[in-house]
Amino acid sequence: MIDRKTIIGNIPFSLKSVNLPKLGKKYQGKVRDSYVLNDKRIIVTTDRQSAFDRVLGFIPFKGQVLTKLSEFWFQKTADIIQNHLLSVPDPNVMVVKNCQVIPIEMVVRGYITGVTDTSIWGSYEKGDRVIYGVKFPEGLQKNQKLSEPVITPTTKAEAGHDERLTEKEIIQRKIVSPAIWKQMKKTALDLFERGQEICDKAGIILVDTKYEFGLDKQGKLILVDEIHTPDSSRYWIKKTYPERFKKGVEPESYDKEPLRIWFKERGFTGKGKIPKMPPSFIAKLSRLYMGIYEKITGKKFVPELSKNVNQRIIKNLS
């Protein structure tokens, strides 16, 4: 992991967006830019930092961490379900199979927590006991482990807010067939179990995460997007969790929850003017992303330093 001074020095060179005109039309999401080439899709993971359905700034090397970590997890879960990854020609780029993406984010939660509008703790605290169509018992405390993981699906929005879904709504709207939905549920829980097992050995709790699926040309279910990254998952440090939970103190995080908390403390939860992150905080987040990679994989994270990432990507793709 590199030092804070180097990270701060690389803030101006963060990958904010990518421009690859020879690849045709660009599709831009909250964090990723992509291009479709026949049966393949070029996915460029930028350093854009999103939360509360807004892009809040840029974190150096974040895109590299997400790409390398997704590659790690795709390999570790390939026996559970086929994924879309074909190659990683650049630290920020994945070449994947182009699939028909299912517009559902499969959020699996092992603990009751969160600060966003779609979190189950926010609803539970207000008195709701049936959330996402799932019934929760009385007496739960924030950050408490659930008796078993639950699936809380949402719509997949490229921009704006994701909306809550229930199993009944998914079937009634015919977003997917009952058979595919059944397979998505089982696969999501199997992936979550595998993630928890690997993280547990690394001294980390995989608290919750999201999975996205698509259908290939044969109509077969396939895992797409990213998997078990600090953007799509919540991680806590296993060693300190029991004592902190007992005291009612927030768990030590290895994810972007500190980012959400930092913005919420400054009165921002998605509306109004976005507070500007100071360089020291940006460096802290960058090291947090690198740290989770090293913790999970057991490998040192060595970022590719480049003053023109766009140019490097063009060269590597050529």
Protein backbone atom coordinates (compact mmCIF):
# COMPACT_ATOMS: atom_id res chain seq x y z
CA MET A 1 0.00 0.00 0.00
CA ILE A 2 1.35 3.42 -0.88
CA ASP A 3 1.63 6.36 1.51
CA ARG A 4 -0.79 9.27 1.96
CA LYS A 5 1.58 11.80 0.39
CA THR A 6 1.74 9.81 -2.86
CA ILE A 7 -2.04 9.41 -2.89
CA ILE A 8 -2.60 13.15 -2.39
CA GLY A 9 -0.11 13.85 -5.17
CA ASN A 10 -2.13 11.63 -7.49
CA ILE A 11 -5.53 13.23 -6.77
CA PRO A 12 -5.28 15.40 -9.95
CA PHE A 13 -4.67 12.25 -12.02
CA SER A 14 -7.73 10.35 -10.76
CA LEU A 15 -9.73 8.69 -13.54
CA LYS A 16 -12.85 10.86 -13.66
CA SER A 17 -14.15 9.53 -16.96
CA VAL A 18 -12.80 7.76 -20.02
CA ASN A 19 -12.99 8.70 -23.67
CA LEU A 20 -12.55 5.88 -26.19
CA PRO A 21 -14.17 7.26 -29.37
CA LYS A 22 -12.99 4.38 -31.57
CA LEU A 23 -15.14 1.99 -29.53
CA GLY A 24 -18.37 3.80 -30.39
CA LYS A 25 -21.10 4.92 -27.99
CA LYS A 26 -20.19 5.29 -24.34
CA TYR A 27 -22.59 4.13 -21.62
CA GLN A 28 -21.96 5.91 -18.32
CA GLY A 29 -23.08 4.67 -14.92
CA LYS A 30 -22.36 6.07 -11.48
CA VAL A 31 -18.85 4.63 -11.38
CA ARG A 32 -18.30 2.73 -14.63
CA ASP A 33 -18.02 3.73 -18.28
CA SER A 34 -18.64 0.99 -20.82
CA TYR A 35 -18.61 0.29 -24.53
CA VAL A 36 -20.33 -2.55 -26.37
CA LEU A 37 -18.43 -4.39 -29.10
CA ASN A 38 -20.67 -7.09 -30.57
CA ASP A 39 -20.74 -9.89 -28.00
CA LYS A 40 -18.28 -8.17 -25.66
CA ARG A 41 -18.47 -5.20 -23.34
CA ILE A 42 -15.51 -3.05 -22.29
CA ILE A 43 -16.04 -1.92 -18.69
CA VAL A 44 -13.82 0.87 -17.38
CA THR A 45 -14.01 1.34 -13.61
CA THR A 46 -13.27 4.98 -12.85
CA ASP A 47 -12.25 6.65 -9.59
CA ARG A 48 -15.65 8.28 -9.23
CA GLN A 49 -16.98 7.95 -5.68
CA SER A 50 -20.73 7.58 -5.34
CA ALA A 51 -23.09 7.36 -2.38
CA PHE A 52 -26.65 8.50 -1.75
CA ASP A 53 -27.14 8.03 -5.53
CA ARG A 54 -24.78 10.95 -6.26
CA VAL A 55 -21.19 11.19 -7.46
CA LEU A 56 -19.41 12.85 -4.54
CA GLY A 57 -15.84 13.14 -5.79
CA PHE A 58 -12.86 11.07 -6.93
CA ILE A 59 -10.62 8.65 -5.01
CA PRO A 60 -7.20 7.84 -6.54
CA PHE A 61 -6.67 4.16 -7.42
CA LYS A 62 -10.18 3.20 -6.33
CA GLY A 63 -11.05 1.94 -9.82
CA GLN A 64 -7.98 -0.28 -9.81
CA VAL A 65 -8.95 -1.80 -6.45
CA LEU A 66 -12.50 -2.55 -7.61
CA THR A 67 -11.25 -4.18 -10.81
CA LYS A 68 -8.59 -6.33 -9.14
CA LEU A 69 -10.89 -7.33 -6.28
CA SER A 70 -13.71 -8.29 -8.65
CA GLU A 71 -11.24 -10.40 -10.62
CA PHE A 72 -10.24 -12.17 -7.38
CA TRP A 73 -13.84 -12.88 -6.37
CA PHE A 74 -14.95 -13.98 -9.85
CA GLN A 75 -12.24 -16.64 -9.69
CA LYS A 76 -13.22 -17.70 -6.17
CA THR A 77 -16.91 -18.13 -7.04
CA ALA A 78 -16.72 -19.56 -10.58
CA ASP A 79 -17.83 -22.97 -9.31
CA ILE A 80 -21.09 -21.47 -8.00
CA ILE A 81 -22.13 -19.62 -11.15
CA GLN A 82 -20.62 -18.60 -14.47
CA ASN A 83 -19.56 -14.94 -14.56
CA HIS A 84 -19.06 -12.48 -17.39
CA LEU A 85 -15.31 -11.83 -17.01
CA LEU A 86 -13.14 -12.60 -20.05
CA SER A 87 -9.94 -10.62 -19.42
CA VAL A 88 -8.35 -7.71 -17.53
CA PRO A 89 -6.14 -5.88 -20.08
CA ASP A 90 -5.64 -2.82 -17.84
CA PRO A 91 -5.83 -2.20 -14.06
CA ASN A 92 -9.05 -0.23 -14.63
CA VAL A 93 -10.58 -2.37 -17.39
CA MET A 94 -12.50 -5.61 -17.63
CA VAL A 95 -13.49 -7.18 -20.94
CA VAL A 96 -16.67 -9.14 -20.32
CA LYS A 97 -19.40 -11.03 -22.12
CA ASN A 98 -22.18 -8.74 -23.20
CA CYS A 99 -25.34 -9.99 -21.51
CA GLN A 100 -28.93 -8.93 -21.09
CA VAL A 101 -28.73 -7.40 -17.61
CA ILE A 102 -31.60 -8.18 -15.26
CA PRO A 103 -32.77 -4.84 -13.76
CA ILE A 104 -32.69 -6.09 -10.16
CA GLU A 105 -29.98 -5.53 -7.56
CA MET A 106 -29.88 -8.56 -5.28
CA VAL A 107 -28.94 -7.14 -1.90
CA VAL A 108 -28.12 -9.82 0.68
CA ARG A 109 -27.90 -8.76 4.31
CA GLY A 110 -26.48 -10.72 7.23
CA TYR A 111 -26.85 -7.90 9.77
CA ILE A 112 -29.36 -5.12 10.39
CA THR A 113 -27.59 -1.82 9.80
CA GLY A 114 -27.20 1.14 7.44
CA VAL A 115 -27.79 4.88 7.11
CA THR A 116 -29.35 5.19 3.63
CA ASP A 117 -33.02 5.26 2.61
CA THR A 118 -32.84 1.68 1.32
CA SER A 119 -31.23 0.28 4.50
CA ILE A 120 -33.32 -2.02 6.67
CA TRP A 121 -32.19 -0.39 9.92
CA GLY A 122 -33.63 2.97 8.85
CA SER A 123 -37.07 1.39 8.37
CA TYR A 124 -36.83 -0.79 11.47
CA GLU A 125 -35.92 2.19 13.64
CA LYS A 126 -39.07 3.96 12.43
CA GLY A 127 -41.19 1.01 13.58
CA ASP A 128 -41.53 -1.04 10.40
CA ARG A 129 -41.37 -4.79 10.95
CA VAL A 130 -42.19 -5.98 7.42
CA ILE A 131 -39.43 -4.59 5.19
CA TYR A 132 -38.98 -5.62 1.53
CA GLY A 133 -41.72 -8.15 2.21
CA VAL A 134 -39.56 -9.77 4.91
CA LYS A 135 -40.84 -9.97 8.50
CA PHE A 136 -38.34 -8.93 11.19
CA PRO A 137 -38.69 -9.77 14.90
CA GLU A 138 -39.03 -7.25 17.71
CA GLY A 139 -36.07 -6.21 19.82
CA LEU A 140 -33.33 -6.02 17.23
CA GLN A 141 -30.49 -3.56 17.80
CA LYS A 142 -28.52 -1.68 15.17
CA ASN A 143 -25.63 -3.75 13.76
CA GLN A 144 -27.02 -6.99 15.19
CA LYS A 145 -26.51 -10.23 13.29
CA LEU A 146 -29.71 -11.63 11.77
CA SER A 147 -30.72 -15.23 12.45
CA GLU A 148 -30.15 -15.88 8.77
CA PRO A 149 -29.25 -13.73 5.73
CA VAL A 150 -32.15 -12.02 3.95
CA ILE A 151 -32.53 -10.82 0.37
CA THR A 152 -33.78 -7.24 -0.03
CA PRO A 153 -33.95 -6.56 -3.79
CA THR A 154 -34.08 -3.13 -5.40
CA THR A 155 -34.48 -1.83 -8.92
CA LYS A 156 -31.23 -1.15 -10.76
CA ALA A 157 -31.02 2.55 -11.55
CA GLU A 158 -28.14 3.94 -13.65
CA ALA A 159 -29.00 7.38 -12.30
CA GLY A 160 -31.23 8.50 -9.46
CA HIS A 161 -32.67 6.35 -6.71
CA ASP A 162 -32.94 2.57 -6.57
CA GLU A 163 -36.42 1.54 -5.46
CA ARG A 164 -37.32 -1.25 -3.10
CA LEU A 165 -38.84 -4.42 -4.49
CA THR A 166 -40.56 -7.43 -2.95
CA GLU A 167 -40.60 -10.95 -4.32
CA LYS A 168 -44.31 -10.56 -5.05
CA GLU A 169 -43.73 -7.38 -7.09
CA ILE A 170 -40.91 -8.99 -9.09
CA ILE A 171 -43.15 -11.88 -10.14
CA GLN A 172 -46.24 -9.70 -10.72
CA ARG A 173 -44.30 -7.26 -12.92
CA LYS A 174 -42.75 -10.21 -14.77
CA ILE A 175 -39.29 -8.70 -14.41
CA VAL A 176 -38.02 -12.28 -14.51
CA SER A 177 -39.72 -15.67 -14.63
CA PRO A 178 -40.41 -17.50 -11.35
CA ALA A 179 -37.78 -20.11 -12.31
CA ILE A 180 -35.06 -17.50 -12.91
CA TRP A 181 -36.02 -15.65 -9.74
CA LYS A 182 -35.71 -18.87 -7.72
CA GLN A 183 -32.25 -19.44 -9.23
CA MET A 184 -31.21 -15.84 -8.50
CA LYS A 185 -32.19 -16.20 -4.84
CA LYS A 186 -30.33 -19.45 -4.32
CA THR A 187 -27.24 -18.23 -6.16
CA ALA A 188 -27.14 -14.95 -4.24
CA LEU A 189 -27.27 -16.78 -0.91
CA ASP A 190 -24.61 -19.28 -2.04
CA LEU A 191 -22.32 -16.42 -3.16
CA PHE A 192 -22.87 -14.63 0.14
CA GLU A 193 -22.01 -17.76 2.11
CA ARG A 194 -18.79 -18.20 0.10
CA GLY A 195 -17.94 -14.53 0.62
CA GLN A 196 -18.50 -14.79 4.37
CA GLU A 197 -16.29 -17.90 4.58
CA ILE A 198 -13.35 -16.28 2.79
CA CYS A 199 -13.71 -12.98 4.63
CA ASP A 200 -13.95 -14.76 7.99
CA LYS A 201 -10.54 -16.36 7.41
CA ALA A 202 -9.18 -12.87 6.68
CA GLY A 203 -10.56 -11.52 9.96
CA ILE A 204 -13.39 -9.62 8.28
CA ILE A 205 -17.18 -9.82 8.51
CA LEU A 206 -19.03 -9.60 5.20
CA VAL A 207 -22.06 -7.72 6.52
CA ASP A 208 -24.07 -7.21 3.34
CA THR A 209 -23.51 -6.94 -0.38
CA LYS A 210 -25.25 -6.75 -3.73
CA TYR A 211 -25.14 -9.00 -6.77
CA GLU A 212 -26.25 -8.34 -10.31
CA PHE A 213 -27.20 -10.97 -12.86
CA GLY A 214 -27.79 -11.17 -16.57
CA LEU A 215 -28.85 -13.69 -19.19
CA ASP A 216 -26.48 -14.88 -21.89
CA LYS A 217 -27.52 -15.63 -25.48
CA GLN A 218 -28.80 -19.03 -24.43
CA GLY A 219 -30.92 -17.52 -21.66
CA LYS A 220 -28.60 -18.89 -18.96
CA LEU A 221 -28.17 -16.96 -15.73
CA ILE A 222 -24.75 -15.32 -15.40
CA LEU A 223 -23.11 -13.15 -12.71
CA VAL A 224 -22.26 -9.63 -13.96
CA ASP A 225 -21.00 -6.22 -12.78
CA GLU A 226 -18.73 -6.50 -9.71
CA ILE A 227 -18.65 -8.78 -6.68
CA HIS A 228 -17.72 -8.30 -3.02
CA THR A 229 -16.00 -4.93 -3.44
CA PRO A 230 -16.00 -2.06 -0.91
CA ASP A 231 -18.49 -0.28 -3.21
CA SER A 232 -20.97 -3.14 -3.32
CA SER A 233 -20.38 -4.55 0.15
CA ARG A 234 -20.14 -3.61 3.79
CA TYR A 235 -17.16 -5.01 5.72
CA TRP A 236 -16.48 -4.91 9.45
CA ILE A 237 -13.37 -5.92 11.39
CA LYS A 238 -14.20 -9.23 13.05
CA LYS A 239 -11.88 -8.88 16.06
CA THR A 240 -13.40 -5.66 17.41
CA TYR A 241 -17.05 -6.20 16.41
CA PRO A 242 -18.36 -8.05 19.54
CA GLU A 243 -17.08 -5.49 22.05
CA ARG A 244 -18.13 -2.48 19.96
CA PHE A 245 -21.60 -3.95 19.40
CA LYS A 246 -21.94 -4.59 23.13
CA LYS A 247 -21.10 -0.95 23.85
CA GLY A 248 -23.41 0.36 21.11
CA VAL A 249 -20.45 1.79 19.19
CA GLU A 250 -20.33 1.66 15.40
CA PRO A 251 -18.22 -1.27 14.11
CA GLU A 252 -14.82 -0.60 12.56
CA SER A 253 -15.45 -0.52 8.82
CA TYR A 254 -13.43 -1.64 5.83
CA ASP A 255 -15.83 -0.20 3.27
CA LYS A 256 -17.32 3.13 2.22
CA GLU A 257 -19.52 3.48 5.32
CA PRO A 258 -17.11 6.10 6.79
CA LEU A 259 -17.76 8.11 3.62
CA ARG A 260 -21.53 7.97 4.14
CA ILE A 261 -21.13 8.93 7.79
CA TRP A 262 -18.76 11.83 6.94
CA PHE A 263 -21.29 13.31 4.51
CA LYS A 264 -24.26 12.68 6.78
CA GLU A 265 -22.50 14.48 9.65
CA ARG A 266 -22.25 17.49 7.34
CA GLY A 267 -25.96 17.38 6.59
CA PHE A 268 -25.73 15.74 3.18
CA THR A 269 -27.77 12.65 2.36
CA GLY A 270 -28.20 13.12 -1.37
CA LYS A 271 -29.89 16.50 -1.74
CA GLY A 272 -28.41 19.96 -2.02
CA LYS A 273 -24.82 21.08 -2.44
CA ILE A 274 -22.18 18.35 -2.11
CA PRO A 275 -19.57 19.07 0.61
CA LYS A 276 -16.01 18.99 -0.75
CA MET A 277 -13.80 16.24 0.65
CA PRO A 278 -10.40 17.48 1.90
CA PRO A 279 -7.26 15.78 0.48
CA SER A 280 -6.51 14.09 3.83
CA PHE A 281 -9.93 12.41 3.85
CA ILE A 282 -9.57 11.38 0.20
CA ALA A 283 -6.22 9.77 1.05
CA LYS A 284 -7.82 7.97 4.01
CA LEU A 285 -10.52 6.52 1.75
CA SER A 286 -7.98 5.50 -0.88
CA ARG A 287 -5.93 3.62 1.72
CA LEU A 288 -9.12 2.05 3.06
CA TYR A 289 -9.88 0.64 -0.41
CA MET A 290 -6.33 -0.66 -0.79
CA GLY A 291 -6.44 -2.12 2.71
CA ILE A 292 -9.52 -4.24 2.10
CA TYR A 293 -7.91 -5.65 -1.04
CA GLU A 294 -4.79 -6.63 0.88
CA LYS A 295 -6.78 -8.04 3.79
CA ILE A 296 -9.00 -10.27 1.65
CA THR A 297 -6.50 -11.44 -0.96
CA GLY A 298 -3.39 -11.59 1.23
CA LYS A 299 -1.51 -9.76 -1.53
CA LYS A 300 0.11 -6.34 -1.48
CA PHE A 301 -1.73 -3.76 -3.56
CA VAL A 302 0.64 -2.08 -5.99
CA PRO A 303 -1.21 0.57 -8.02
CA GLU A 304 -0.32 1.51 -11.56
CA LEU A 305 0.88 5.12 -11.36
CA SER A 306 -0.01 7.15 -14.44
CA LYS A 307 -0.50 10.85 -15.13
CA ASN A 308 -2.69 10.04 -18.13
CA VAL A 309 -4.82 7.02 -17.32
CA ASN A 310 -7.01 7.48 -20.41
CA GLN A 311 -3.94 7.23 -22.65
CA ARG A 312 -2.72 4.15 -20.80
CA ILE A 313 -6.08 2.46 -21.22
CA ILE A 314 -6.11 3.16 -24.97
CA LYS A 315 -2.62 1.68 -25.27
CA ASN A 316 -3.49 -1.46 -23.28
CA LEU A 317 -6.73 -2.02 -25.19
CA SER A 318 -4.99 -1.71 -28.53
